[in-house]
Amino acid sequence: KSPSAACCGLIRSADMGCVCPKVTPQIAKLINVSKVVSLVESCGRSVPHHTQCGSITTP
């Protein structure tokens, strides 16, 4: 299922410099990184490989 226009709007406008420090190890356990990357990319935002975001490193 594709994300809604509202969801993509939030993803495109998110300040990753603000979001990433909030990704604690506890939150990282709840996140499926592959799904998040797919969601972000489906909204037209790129996700650089091997980027550190909080306690997660993108594939």
N, C-alpha and C. Protein backbone atom coordinates (compact mmCIF):
# COMPACT_ATOMS: atom_id res chain seq x y z
N LYS A 1 0.85 -1.18 0.00
CA LYS A 1 0.00 0.00 0.00
C LYS A 1 0.89 1.24 0.00
N SER A 2 0.54 2.18 -0.83
CA SER A 2 1.31 3.42 -0.92
C SER A 2 0.95 4.36 0.23
N PRO A 3 1.93 5.14 0.68
CA PRO A 3 1.64 6.12 1.73
C PRO A 3 0.74 7.23 1.20
N SER A 4 -0.02 7.83 2.08
CA SER A 4 -0.92 8.92 1.69
C SER A 4 -0.11 10.17 1.35
N ALA A 5 -0.77 11.09 0.68
CA ALA A 5 -0.13 12.36 0.34
C ALA A 5 0.28 13.11 1.61
N ALA A 6 -0.55 13.04 2.64
CA ALA A 6 -0.23 13.71 3.91
C ALA A 6 1.01 13.09 4.55
N CYS A 7 1.09 11.76 4.51
CA CYS A 7 2.26 11.06 5.07
C CYS A 7 3.52 11.47 4.31
N CYS A 8 3.45 11.46 2.99
CA CYS A 8 4.61 11.84 2.19
C CYS A 8 5.00 13.30 2.43
N GLY A 9 4.02 14.15 2.64
CA GLY A 9 4.32 15.55 2.93
C GLY A 9 5.13 15.68 4.20
N LEU A 10 4.76 14.92 5.22
CA LEU A 10 5.51 14.94 6.48
C LEU A 10 6.92 14.39 6.30
N ILE A 11 7.03 13.31 5.53
CA ILE A 11 8.34 12.70 5.29
C ILE A 11 9.25 13.67 4.54
N ARG A 12 8.71 14.32 3.52
CA ARG A 12 9.51 15.25 2.72
C ARG A 12 9.94 16.48 3.52
N SER A 13 9.13 16.90 4.47
CA SER A 13 9.45 18.11 5.22
C SER A 13 10.20 17.84 6.52
N ALA A 14 10.39 16.57 6.87
CA ALA A 14 11.05 16.23 8.13
C ALA A 14 12.51 16.69 8.13
N ASP A 15 12.93 17.27 9.22
CA ASP A 15 14.32 17.69 9.41
C ASP A 15 15.06 16.53 10.06
N MET A 16 15.82 15.78 9.26
CA MET A 16 16.47 14.59 9.78
C MET A 16 17.48 14.92 10.87
N GLY A 17 18.03 16.11 10.84
CA GLY A 17 18.94 16.54 11.91
C GLY A 17 18.23 16.64 13.24
N CYS A 18 16.93 16.84 13.20
CA CYS A 18 16.12 16.89 14.41
C CYS A 18 15.60 15.51 14.78
N VAL A 19 15.21 14.72 13.77
CA VAL A 19 14.62 13.40 14.00
C VAL A 19 15.65 12.38 14.48
N CYS A 20 16.78 12.31 13.82
CA CYS A 20 17.75 11.24 14.10
C CYS A 20 18.23 11.17 15.56
N PRO A 21 18.51 12.27 16.23
CA PRO A 21 18.93 12.16 17.62
C PRO A 21 17.88 11.52 18.54
N LYS A 22 16.64 11.50 18.09
CA LYS A 22 15.55 10.92 18.90
C LYS A 22 15.47 9.40 18.75
N VAL A 23 16.23 8.83 17.80
CA VAL A 23 16.18 7.39 17.55
C VAL A 23 17.11 6.70 18.55
N THR A 24 16.54 6.35 19.69
CA THR A 24 17.29 5.67 20.75
C THR A 24 17.35 4.18 20.45
N PRO A 25 18.21 3.44 21.14
CA PRO A 25 18.23 1.98 20.94
C PRO A 25 16.87 1.34 21.21
N GLN A 26 16.12 1.87 22.16
CA GLN A 26 14.79 1.32 22.45
C GLN A 26 13.84 1.54 21.28
N ILE A 27 13.88 2.70 20.68
CA ILE A 27 13.04 2.98 19.51
C ILE A 27 13.52 2.16 18.32
N ALA A 28 14.82 2.04 18.16
CA ALA A 28 15.38 1.30 17.03
C ALA A 28 14.90 -0.15 17.02
N LYS A 29 14.68 -0.74 18.19
CA LYS A 29 14.19 -2.12 18.27
C LYS A 29 12.80 -2.27 17.66
N LEU A 30 12.05 -1.18 17.63
CA LEU A 30 10.67 -1.21 17.14
C LEU A 30 10.56 -0.91 15.64
N ILE A 31 11.67 -0.53 15.03
CA ILE A 31 11.66 -0.06 13.64
C ILE A 31 12.19 -1.13 12.70
N ASN A 32 11.46 -1.36 11.62
CA ASN A 32 11.94 -2.20 10.53
C ASN A 32 12.61 -1.25 9.53
N VAL A 33 13.92 -1.21 9.56
CA VAL A 33 14.67 -0.23 8.76
C VAL A 33 14.36 -0.37 7.28
N SER A 34 14.26 -1.59 6.79
CA SER A 34 13.97 -1.79 5.36
C SER A 34 12.63 -1.17 4.98
N LYS A 35 11.62 -1.33 5.83
CA LYS A 35 10.31 -0.75 5.55
C LYS A 35 10.36 0.77 5.60
N VAL A 36 11.09 1.32 6.55
CA VAL A 36 11.20 2.78 6.65
C VAL A 36 11.90 3.34 5.42
N VAL A 37 12.99 2.71 5.00
CA VAL A 37 13.72 3.17 3.82
C VAL A 37 12.80 3.11 2.59
N SER A 38 12.07 2.01 2.44
CA SER A 38 11.14 1.86 1.32
C SER A 38 10.07 2.94 1.34
N LEU A 39 9.53 3.22 2.51
CA LEU A 39 8.50 4.25 2.66
C LEU A 39 9.04 5.62 2.28
N VAL A 40 10.20 5.95 2.81
CA VAL A 40 10.81 7.26 2.53
C VAL A 40 11.10 7.41 1.04
N GLU A 41 11.66 6.37 0.43
CA GLU A 41 11.99 6.43 -0.99
C GLU A 41 10.73 6.50 -1.85
N SER A 42 9.64 5.84 -1.43
CA SER A 42 8.40 5.89 -2.20
C SER A 42 7.78 7.29 -2.18
N CYS A 43 8.21 8.11 -1.24
CA CYS A 43 7.75 9.50 -1.17
C CYS A 43 8.69 10.46 -1.89
N GLY A 44 9.69 9.90 -2.56
CA GLY A 44 10.59 10.73 -3.36
C GLY A 44 11.78 11.30 -2.64
N ARG A 45 12.02 10.83 -1.43
CA ARG A 45 13.18 11.32 -0.67
C ARG A 45 14.24 10.22 -0.68
N SER A 46 15.47 10.58 -0.95
CA SER A 46 16.53 9.57 -0.99
C SER A 46 17.04 9.27 0.41
N VAL A 47 17.55 8.06 0.55
CA VAL A 47 18.15 7.62 1.81
C VAL A 47 19.56 7.14 1.49
N PRO A 48 20.57 7.92 1.83
CA PRO A 48 21.95 7.51 1.54
C PRO A 48 22.30 6.22 2.28
N HIS A 49 23.05 5.36 1.60
CA HIS A 49 23.48 4.11 2.21
C HIS A 49 24.49 4.38 3.32
N HIS A 50 24.44 3.55 4.34
CA HIS A 50 25.38 3.57 5.47
C HIS A 50 25.35 4.90 6.23
N THR A 51 24.17 5.51 6.31
CA THR A 51 24.00 6.75 7.05
C THR A 51 23.58 6.44 8.48
N GLN A 52 24.19 7.10 9.42
CA GLN A 52 23.85 6.93 10.83
C GLN A 52 22.69 7.85 11.18
N CYS A 53 21.64 7.27 11.74
CA CYS A 53 20.49 8.05 12.21
C CYS A 53 20.18 7.54 13.60
N GLY A 54 20.61 8.28 14.60
CA GLY A 54 20.47 7.79 15.98
C GLY A 54 21.27 6.51 16.13
N SER A 55 20.62 5.46 16.61
CA SER A 55 21.32 4.19 16.80
C SER A 55 21.13 3.24 15.62
N ILE A 56 20.61 3.75 14.51
CA ILE A 56 20.38 2.93 13.31
C ILE A 56 21.33 3.39 12.21
N THR A 57 21.87 2.42 11.48
CA THR A 57 22.64 2.71 10.28
C THR A 57 21.85 2.16 9.10
N THR A 58 21.59 2.99 8.10
CA THR A 58 20.81 2.53 6.95
C THR A 58 21.62 1.52 6.14
N PRO A 59 20.90 0.58 5.50
CA PRO A 59 21.60 -0.44 4.70
C PRO A 59 22.23 0.14 3.45
